[in-house]
Amino acid sequence: AGVGFIALSGVAVLNGLVMIAFIRSLREQGHSLHDAITEGALTRLRPVLMTALVASLGFIPMALATGTGAEVQRPLATVVIGG
């Protein structure tokens, strides 16, 4: 499960960095802070949600596995899917 928390943290940090970088670029273009945050959040919400959804859905086969090593992989998948 520890590795799952690391993977989940990595996805969350990456999504946050993408949004912050976009908001900073809007600020450099002259947008006010409020407008940059609003437009940046609305514009980058879909890519951020898609990244998180793909990460979660990618672990479903691991969570449902019953073969060799499934007992070890299931906690990792459960953490990422639930996060």
PDB file of N, CA and C in Angstrom:
ATOM      1  N   ALA A   1       0.821  -1.195   0.000  1.00  0.00           N
ATOM      2  CA  ALA A   1       0.000   0.000   0.000  1.00  0.00           C
ATOM      3  C   ALA A   1       0.862   1.253   0.000  1.00  0.00           C
ATOM      4  N   GLY A   2       2.080   1.149   0.546  1.00  0.00           N
ATOM      5  CA  GLY A   2       2.976   2.304   0.591  1.00  0.00           C
ATOM      6  C   GLY A   2       3.335   2.808  -0.790  1.00  0.00           C
ATOM      7  N   VAL A   3       3.579   1.890  -1.706  1.00  0.00           N
ATOM      8  CA  VAL A   3       3.893   2.277  -3.079  1.00  0.00           C
ATOM      9  C   VAL A   3       2.681   2.935  -3.730  1.00  0.00           C
ATOM     10  N   GLY A   4       1.497   2.501  -3.380  1.00  0.00           N
ATOM     11  CA  GLY A   4       0.281   3.111  -3.906  1.00  0.00           C
ATOM     12  C   GLY A   4       0.149   4.564  -3.481  1.00  0.00           C
ATOM     13  N   PHE A   5       0.506   4.851  -2.221  1.00  0.00           N
ATOM     14  CA  PHE A   5       0.460   6.238  -1.765  1.00  0.00           C
ATOM     15  C   PHE A   5       1.475   7.093  -2.504  1.00  0.00           C
ATOM     16  N   ILE A   6       2.634   6.530  -2.798  1.00  0.00           N
ATOM     17  CA  ILE A   6       3.644   7.265  -3.557  1.00  0.00           C
ATOM     18  C   ILE A   6       3.143   7.541  -4.970  1.00  0.00           C
ATOM     19  N   ALA A   7       2.555   6.552  -5.617  1.00  0.00           N
ATOM     20  CA  ALA A   7       2.023   6.741  -6.971  1.00  0.00           C
ATOM     21  C   ALA A   7       0.886   7.757  -6.970  1.00  0.00           C
ATOM     22  N   LEU A   8       0.020   7.670  -5.992  1.00  0.00           N
ATOM     23  CA  LEU A   8      -1.100   8.603  -5.891  1.00  0.00           C
ATOM     24  C   LEU A   8      -0.606  10.023  -5.645  1.00  0.00           C
ATOM     25  N   SER A   9       0.391  10.167  -4.797  1.00  0.00           N
ATOM     26  CA  SER A   9       0.963  11.490  -4.551  1.00  0.00           C
ATOM     27  C   SER A   9       1.606  12.051  -5.807  1.00  0.00           C
ATOM     28  N   GLY A  10       2.264  11.200  -6.572  1.00  0.00           N
ATOM     29  CA  GLY A  10       2.882  11.645  -7.816  1.00  0.00           C
ATOM     30  C   GLY A  10       1.866  12.169  -8.810  1.00  0.00           C
ATOM     31  N   VAL A  11       0.759  11.489  -8.951  1.00  0.00           N
ATOM     32  CA  VAL A  11      -0.297  11.940  -9.868  1.00  0.00           C
ATOM     33  C   VAL A  11      -0.877  13.264  -9.387  1.00  0.00           C
ATOM     34  N   ALA A  12      -1.106  13.386  -8.090  1.00  0.00           N
ATOM     35  CA  ALA A  12      -1.680  14.623  -7.548  1.00  0.00           C
ATOM     36  C   ALA A  12      -0.728  15.802  -7.722  1.00  0.00           C
ATOM     37  N   VAL A  13       0.554  15.581  -7.468  1.00  0.00           N
ATOM     38  CA  VAL A  13       1.539  16.656  -7.623  1.00  0.00           C
ATOM     39  C   VAL A  13       1.661  17.062  -9.079  1.00  0.00           C
ATOM     40  N   LEU A  14       1.689  16.095  -9.974  1.00  0.00           N
ATOM     41  CA  LEU A  14       1.782  16.408 -11.398  1.00  0.00           C
ATOM     42  C   LEU A  14       0.573  17.218 -11.861  1.00  0.00           C
ATOM     43  N   ASN A  15      -0.610  16.835 -11.444  1.00  0.00           N
ATOM     44  CA  ASN A  15      -1.812  17.585 -11.813  1.00  0.00           C
ATOM     45  C   ASN A  15      -1.764  19.008 -11.260  1.00  0.00           C
ATOM     46  N   GLY A  16      -1.297  19.159 -10.047  1.00  0.00           N
ATOM     47  CA  GLY A  16      -1.177  20.495  -9.460  1.00  0.00           C
ATOM     48  C   GLY A  16      -0.166  21.356 -10.190  1.00  0.00           C
ATOM     49  N   LEU A  17       0.963  20.765 -10.573  1.00  0.00           N
ATOM     50  CA  LEU A  17       1.978  21.521 -11.307  1.00  0.00           C
ATOM     51  C   LEU A  17       1.481  21.969 -12.671  1.00  0.00           C
ATOM     52  N   VAL A  18       0.734  21.113 -13.344  1.00  0.00           N
ATOM     53  CA  VAL A  18       0.176  21.483 -14.648  1.00  0.00           C
ATOM     54  C   VAL A  18      -0.753  22.681 -14.496  1.00  0.00           C
ATOM     55  N   MET A  19      -1.597  22.654 -13.479  1.00  0.00           N
ATOM     56  CA  MET A  19      -2.543  23.749 -13.287  1.00  0.00           C
ATOM     57  C   MET A  19      -1.824  25.035 -12.882  1.00  0.00           C
ATOM     58  N   ILE A  20      -0.855  24.940 -11.991  1.00  0.00           N
ATOM     59  CA  ILE A  20      -0.124  26.127 -11.545  1.00  0.00           C
ATOM     60  C   ILE A  20       0.676  26.739 -12.687  1.00  0.00           C
ATOM     61  N   ALA A  21       1.301  25.909 -13.512  1.00  0.00           N
ATOM     62  CA  ALA A  21       2.064  26.431 -14.649  1.00  0.00           C
ATOM     63  C   ALA A  21       1.151  27.172 -15.621  1.00  0.00           C
ATOM     64  N   PHE A  22      -0.035  26.649 -15.843  1.00  0.00           N
ATOM     65  CA  PHE A  22      -0.971  27.311 -16.753  1.00  0.00           C
ATOM     66  C   PHE A  22      -1.455  28.632 -16.163  1.00  0.00           C
ATOM     67  N   ILE A  23      -1.730  28.658 -14.876  1.00  0.00           N
ATOM     68  CA  ILE A  23      -2.173  29.892 -14.218  1.00  0.00           C
ATOM     69  C   ILE A  23      -1.063  30.936 -14.256  1.00  0.00           C
ATOM     70  N   ARG A  24       0.171  30.513 -14.044  1.00  0.00           N
ATOM     71  CA  ARG A  24       1.296  31.456 -14.119  1.00  0.00           C
ATOM     72  C   ARG A  24       1.453  32.022 -15.516  1.00  0.00           C
ATOM     73  N   SER A  25       1.247  31.195 -16.539  1.00  0.00           N
ATOM     74  CA  SER A  25       1.357  31.706 -17.908  1.00  0.00           C
ATOM     75  C   SER A  25       0.240  32.708 -18.205  1.00  0.00           C
ATOM     76  N   LEU A  26      -0.939  32.482 -17.647  1.00  0.00           N
ATOM     77  CA  LEU A  26      -2.021  33.456 -17.809  1.00  0.00           C
ATOM     78  C   LEU A  26      -1.686  34.768 -17.108  1.00  0.00           C
ATOM     79  N   ARG A  27      -1.058  34.681 -15.942  1.00  0.00           N
ATOM     80  CA  ARG A  27      -0.644  35.894 -15.227  1.00  0.00           C
ATOM     81  C   ARG A  27       0.384  36.673 -16.033  1.00  0.00           C
ATOM     82  N   GLU A  28       1.304  35.966 -16.693  1.00  0.00           N
ATOM     83  CA  GLU A  28       2.317  36.628 -17.514  1.00  0.00           C
ATOM     84  C   GLU A  28       1.694  37.294 -18.734  1.00  0.00           C
ATOM     85  N   GLN A  29       0.550  36.807 -19.171  1.00  0.00           N
ATOM     86  CA  GLN A  29      -0.152  37.413 -20.301  1.00  0.00           C
ATOM     87  C   GLN A  29      -0.959  38.635 -19.878  1.00  0.00           C
ATOM     88  N   GLY A  30      -0.998  38.926 -18.589  1.00  0.00           N
ATOM     89  CA  GLY A  30      -1.657  40.131 -18.116  1.00  0.00           C
ATOM     90  C   GLY A  30      -3.001  39.933 -17.451  1.00  0.00           C
ATOM     91  N   HIS A  31      -3.425  38.708 -17.229  1.00  0.00           N
ATOM     92  CA  HIS A  31      -4.703  38.465 -16.553  1.00  0.00           C
ATOM     93  C   HIS A  31      -4.570  38.806 -15.068  1.00  0.00           C
ATOM     94  N   SER A  32      -5.668  39.235 -14.467  1.00  0.00           N
ATOM     95  CA  SER A  32      -5.661  39.454 -13.021  1.00  0.00           C
ATOM     96  C   SER A  32      -5.573  38.096 -12.319  1.00  0.00           C
ATOM     97  N   LEU A  33      -5.209  38.133 -11.050  1.00  0.00           N
ATOM     98  CA  LEU A  33      -5.043  36.882 -10.309  1.00  0.00           C
ATOM     99  C   LEU A  33      -6.344  36.084 -10.281  1.00  0.00           C
ATOM    100  N   HIS A  34      -7.439  36.735  -9.981  1.00  0.00           N
ATOM    101  CA  HIS A  34      -8.736  36.044  -9.916  1.00  0.00           C
ATOM    102  C   HIS A  34      -9.113  35.460 -11.271  1.00  0.00           C
ATOM    103  N   ASP A  35      -8.954  36.246 -12.337  1.00  0.00           N
ATOM    104  CA  ASP A  35      -9.294  35.759 -13.679  1.00  0.00           C
ATOM    105  C   ASP A  35      -8.384  34.609 -14.102  1.00  0.00           C
ATOM    106  N   ALA A  36      -7.090  34.712 -13.769  1.00  0.00           N
ATOM    107  CA  ALA A  36      -6.151  33.653 -14.144  1.00  0.00           C
ATOM    108  C   ALA A  36      -6.489  32.351 -13.431  1.00  0.00           C
ATOM    109  N   ILE A  37      -6.825  32.441 -12.152  1.00  0.00           N
ATOM    110  CA  ILE A  37      -7.173  31.232 -11.398  1.00  0.00           C
ATOM    111  C   ILE A  37      -8.462  30.622 -11.928  1.00  0.00           C
ATOM    112  N   THR A  38      -9.459  31.469 -12.170  1.00  0.00           N
ATOM    113  CA  THR A  38     -10.745  30.964 -12.666  1.00  0.00           C
ATOM    114  C   THR A  38     -10.594  30.327 -14.037  1.00  0.00           C
ATOM    115  N   GLU A  39      -9.961  31.046 -14.961  1.00  0.00           N
ATOM    116  CA  GLU A  39      -9.803  30.519 -16.316  1.00  0.00           C
ATOM    117  C   GLU A  39      -8.879  29.306 -16.338  1.00  0.00           C
ATOM    118  N   GLY A  40      -7.807  29.352 -15.553  1.00  0.00           N
ATOM    119  CA  GLY A  40      -6.878  28.225 -15.504  1.00  0.00           C
ATOM    120  C   GLY A  40      -7.519  26.969 -14.952  1.00  0.00           C
ATOM    121  N   ALA A  41      -8.308  27.132 -13.889  1.00  0.00           N
ATOM    122  CA  ALA A  41      -8.972  25.970 -13.294  1.00  0.00           C
ATOM    123  C   ALA A  41     -10.006  25.378 -14.244  1.00  0.00           C
ATOM    124  N   LEU A  42     -10.766  26.247 -14.905  1.00  0.00           N
ATOM    125  CA  LEU A  42     -11.788  25.742 -15.825  1.00  0.00           C
ATOM    126  C   LEU A  42     -11.170  25.113 -17.072  1.00  0.00           C
ATOM    127  N   THR A  43     -10.077  25.694 -17.564  1.00  0.00           N
ATOM    128  CA  THR A  43      -9.447  25.192 -18.786  1.00  0.00           C
ATOM    129  C   THR A  43      -8.705  23.882 -18.541  1.00  0.00           C
ATOM    130  N   ARG A  44      -8.021  23.771 -17.423  1.00  0.00           N
ATOM    131  CA  ARG A  44      -7.189  22.597 -17.158  1.00  0.00           C
ATOM    132  C   ARG A  44      -7.910  21.514 -16.370  1.00  0.00           C
ATOM    133  N   LEU A  45      -9.167  21.743 -15.990  1.00  0.00           N
ATOM    134  CA  LEU A  45      -9.892  20.745 -15.196  1.00  0.00           C
ATOM    135  C   LEU A  45     -10.046  19.434 -15.954  1.00  0.00           C
ATOM    136  N   ARG A  46     -10.428  19.498 -17.209  1.00  0.00           N
ATOM    137  CA  ARG A  46     -10.642  18.275 -17.987  1.00  0.00           C
ATOM    138  C   ARG A  46      -9.360  17.443 -18.114  1.00  0.00           C
ATOM    139  N   PRO A  47      -8.214  18.038 -18.508  1.00  0.00           N
ATOM    140  CA  PRO A  47      -6.994  17.217 -18.576  1.00  0.00           C
ATOM    141  C   PRO A  47      -6.580  16.638 -17.225  1.00  0.00           C
ATOM    142  N   VAL A  48      -6.769  17.399 -16.157  1.00  0.00           N
ATOM    143  CA  VAL A  48      -6.410  16.903 -14.826  1.00  0.00           C
ATOM    144  C   VAL A  48      -7.304  15.730 -14.440  1.00  0.00           C
ATOM    145  N   LEU A  49      -8.603  15.853 -14.683  1.00  0.00           N
ATOM    146  CA  LEU A  49      -9.520  14.755 -14.370  1.00  0.00           C
ATOM    147  C   LEU A  49      -9.246  13.529 -15.235  1.00  0.00           C
ATOM    148  N   MET A  50      -8.903  13.747 -16.496  1.00  0.00           N
ATOM    149  CA  MET A  50      -8.596  12.614 -17.373  1.00  0.00           C
ATOM    150  C   MET A  50      -7.350  11.876 -16.897  1.00  0.00           C
ATOM    151  N   THR A  51      -6.335  12.614 -16.456  1.00  0.00           N
ATOM    152  CA  THR A  51      -5.119  11.983 -15.944  1.00  0.00           C
ATOM    153  C   THR A  51      -5.423  11.145 -14.709  1.00  0.00           C
ATOM    154  N   ALA A  52      -6.189  11.695 -13.791  1.00  0.00           N
ATOM    155  CA  ALA A  52      -6.537  10.962 -12.573  1.00  0.00           C
ATOM    156  C   ALA A  52      -7.408   9.749 -12.887  1.00  0.00           C
ATOM    157  N   LEU A  53      -8.337   9.903 -13.822  1.00  0.00           N
ATOM    158  CA  LEU A  53      -9.223   8.797 -14.185  1.00  0.00           C
ATOM    159  C   LEU A  53      -8.455   7.663 -14.854  1.00  0.00           C
ATOM    160  N   VAL A  54      -7.536   8.010 -15.741  1.00  0.00           N
ATOM    161  CA  VAL A  54      -6.735   6.978 -16.410  1.00  0.00           C
ATOM    162  C   VAL A  54      -5.871   6.236 -15.394  1.00  0.00           C
ATOM    163  N   ALA A  55      -5.298   6.967 -14.446  1.00  0.00           N
ATOM    164  CA  ALA A  55      -4.490   6.310 -13.413  1.00  0.00           C
ATOM    165  C   ALA A  55      -5.344   5.352 -12.590  1.00  0.00           C
ATOM    166  N   SER A  56      -6.541   5.775 -12.239  1.00  0.00           N
ATOM    167  CA  SER A  56      -7.422   4.916 -11.440  1.00  0.00           C
ATOM    168  C   SER A  56      -7.915   3.714 -12.228  1.00  0.00           C
ATOM    169  N   LEU A  57      -8.378   3.947 -13.449  1.00  0.00           N
ATOM    170  CA  LEU A  57      -8.911   2.846 -14.256  1.00  0.00           C
ATOM    171  C   LEU A  57      -7.829   1.856 -14.668  1.00  0.00           C
ATOM    172  N   GLY A  58      -6.605   2.324 -14.795  1.00  0.00           N
ATOM    173  CA  GLY A  58      -5.511   1.432 -15.168  1.00  0.00           C
ATOM    174  C   GLY A  58      -5.200   0.382 -14.110  1.00  0.00           C
ATOM    175  N   PHE A  59      -5.582   0.651 -12.868  1.00  0.00           N
ATOM    176  CA  PHE A  59      -5.299  -0.288 -11.788  1.00  0.00           C
ATOM    177  C   PHE A  59      -6.453  -1.252 -11.517  1.00  0.00           C
ATOM    178  N   ILE A  60      -7.556  -1.126 -12.210  1.00  0.00           N
ATOM    179  CA  ILE A  60      -8.694  -2.028 -11.985  1.00  0.00           C
ATOM    180  C   ILE A  60      -8.336  -3.489 -12.265  1.00  0.00           C
ATOM    181  N   PRO A  61      -7.642  -3.807 -13.371  1.00  0.00           N
ATOM    182  CA  PRO A  61      -7.270  -5.217 -13.569  1.00  0.00           C
ATOM    183  C   PRO A  61      -6.392  -5.762 -12.442  1.00  0.00           C
ATOM    184  N   MET A  62      -5.525  -4.905 -11.896  1.00  0.00           N
ATOM    185  CA  MET A  62      -4.674  -5.344 -10.797  1.00  0.00           C
ATOM    186  C   MET A  62      -5.509  -5.586  -9.539  1.00  0.00           C
ATOM    187  N   ALA A  63      -6.523  -4.781  -9.318  1.00  0.00           N
ATOM    188  CA  ALA A  63      -7.373  -4.941  -8.133  1.00  0.00           C
ATOM    189  C   ALA A  63      -8.238  -6.189  -8.225  1.00  0.00           C
ATOM    190  N   LEU A  64      -8.593  -6.590  -9.437  1.00  0.00           N
ATOM    191  CA  LEU A  64      -9.463  -7.751  -9.626  1.00  0.00           C
ATOM    192  C   LEU A  64      -8.702  -9.040  -9.911  1.00  0.00           C
ATOM    193  N   ALA A  65      -7.379  -8.962  -9.979  1.00  0.00           N
ATOM    194  CA  ALA A  65      -6.571 -10.133 -10.321  1.00  0.00           C
ATOM    195  C   ALA A  65      -6.677 -11.207  -9.242  1.00  0.00           C
ATOM    196  N   THR A  66      -6.587 -12.457  -9.686  1.00  0.00           N
ATOM    197  CA  THR A  66      -6.631 -13.584  -8.751  1.00  0.00           C
ATOM    198  C   THR A  66      -5.432 -14.505  -8.919  1.00  0.00           C
ATOM    199  N   GLY A  67      -4.545 -14.179  -9.831  1.00  0.00           N
ATOM    200  CA  GLY A  67      -3.413 -15.052 -10.122  1.00  0.00           C
ATOM    201  C   GLY A  67      -2.286 -14.909  -9.115  1.00  0.00           C
ATOM    202  N   THR A  68      -1.123 -15.394  -9.533  1.00  0.00           N
ATOM    203  CA  THR A  68       0.061 -15.365  -8.689  1.00  0.00           C
ATOM    204  C   THR A  68       0.454 -13.925  -8.373  1.00  0.00           C
ATOM    205  N   GLY A  69       0.670 -13.632  -7.113  1.00  0.00           N
ATOM    206  CA  GLY A  69       1.088 -12.306  -6.685  1.00  0.00           C
ATOM    207  C   GLY A  69      -0.039 -11.309  -6.508  1.00  0.00           C
ATOM    208  N   ALA A  70      -1.265 -11.746  -6.686  1.00  0.00           N
ATOM    209  CA  ALA A  70      -2.399 -10.822  -6.584  1.00  0.00           C
ATOM    210  C   ALA A  70      -2.546 -10.261  -5.168  1.00  0.00           C
ATOM    211  N   GLU A  71      -2.164 -11.045  -4.167  1.00  0.00           N
ATOM    212  CA  GLU A  71      -2.285 -10.582  -2.783  1.00  0.00           C
ATOM    213  C   GLU A  71      -1.373  -9.392  -2.521  1.00  0.00           C
ATOM    214  N   VAL A  72      -0.260  -9.340  -3.226  1.00  0.00           N
ATOM    215  CA  VAL A  72       0.694  -8.250  -3.047  1.00  0.00           C
ATOM    216  C   VAL A  72       0.255  -7.018  -3.833  1.00  0.00           C
ATOM    217  N   GLN A  73      -0.312  -7.215  -5.007  1.00  0.00           N
ATOM    218  CA  GLN A  73      -0.667  -6.104  -5.886  1.00  0.00           C
ATOM    219  C   GLN A  73      -1.993  -5.447  -5.513  1.00  0.00           C
ATOM    220  N   ARG A  74      -2.885  -6.181  -4.910  1.00  0.00           N
ATOM    221  CA  ARG A  74      -4.223  -5.655  -4.613  1.00  0.00           C
ATOM    222  C   ARG A  74      -4.208  -4.420  -3.710  1.00  0.00           C
ATOM    223  N   PRO A  75      -3.402  -4.367  -2.632  1.00  0.00           N
ATOM    224  CA  PRO A  75      -3.391  -3.144  -1.809  1.00  0.00           C
ATOM    225  C   PRO A  75      -2.919  -1.911  -2.577  1.00  0.00           C
ATOM    226  N   LEU A  76      -1.942  -2.088  -3.456  1.00  0.00           N
ATOM    227  CA  LEU A  76      -1.470  -0.976  -4.282  1.00  0.00           C
ATOM    228  C   LEU A  76      -2.595  -0.444  -5.149  1.00  0.00           C
ATOM    229  N   ALA A  77      -3.290  -1.334  -5.817  1.00  0.00           N
ATOM    230  CA  ALA A  77      -4.385  -0.929  -6.700  1.00  0.00           C
ATOM    231  C   ALA A  77      -5.523  -0.293  -5.911  1.00  0.00           C
ATOM    232  N   THR A  78      -5.813  -0.822  -4.747  1.00  0.00           N
ATOM    233  CA  THR A  78      -6.899  -0.278  -3.930  1.00  0.00           C
ATOM    234  C   THR A  78      -6.608   1.158  -3.511  1.00  0.00           C
ATOM    235  N   VAL A  79      -5.372   1.433  -3.146  1.00  0.00           N
ATOM    236  CA  VAL A  79      -4.999   2.789  -2.734  1.00  0.00           C
ATOM    237  C   VAL A  79      -5.122   3.759  -3.897  1.00  0.00           C
ATOM    238  N   VAL A  80      -4.624   3.383  -5.064  1.00  0.00           N
ATOM    239  CA  VAL A  80      -4.654   4.293  -6.213  1.00  0.00           C
ATOM    240  C   VAL A  80      -6.087   4.511  -6.693  1.00  0.00           C
ATOM    241  N   ILE A  81      -6.880   3.455  -6.749  1.00  0.00           N
ATOM    242  CA  ILE A  81      -8.267   3.597  -7.197  1.00  0.00           C
ATOM    243  C   ILE A  81      -9.065   4.427  -6.193  1.00  0.00           C
ATOM    244  N   GLY A  82      -8.884   4.164  -4.927  1.00  0.00           N
ATOM    245  CA  GLY A  82      -9.626   4.891  -3.902  1.00  0.00           C
ATOM    246  C   GLY A  82      -9.185   6.329  -3.711  1.00  0.00           C
ATOM    247  N   GLY A  83      -7.962   6.636  -4.120  1.00  0.00           N
ATOM    248  CA  GLY A  83      -7.437   7.996  -3.923  1.00  0.00           C
ATOM    249  C   GLY A  83      -7.895   8.915  -4.962  1.00  0.00           C
TER     250      GLY A  83
END
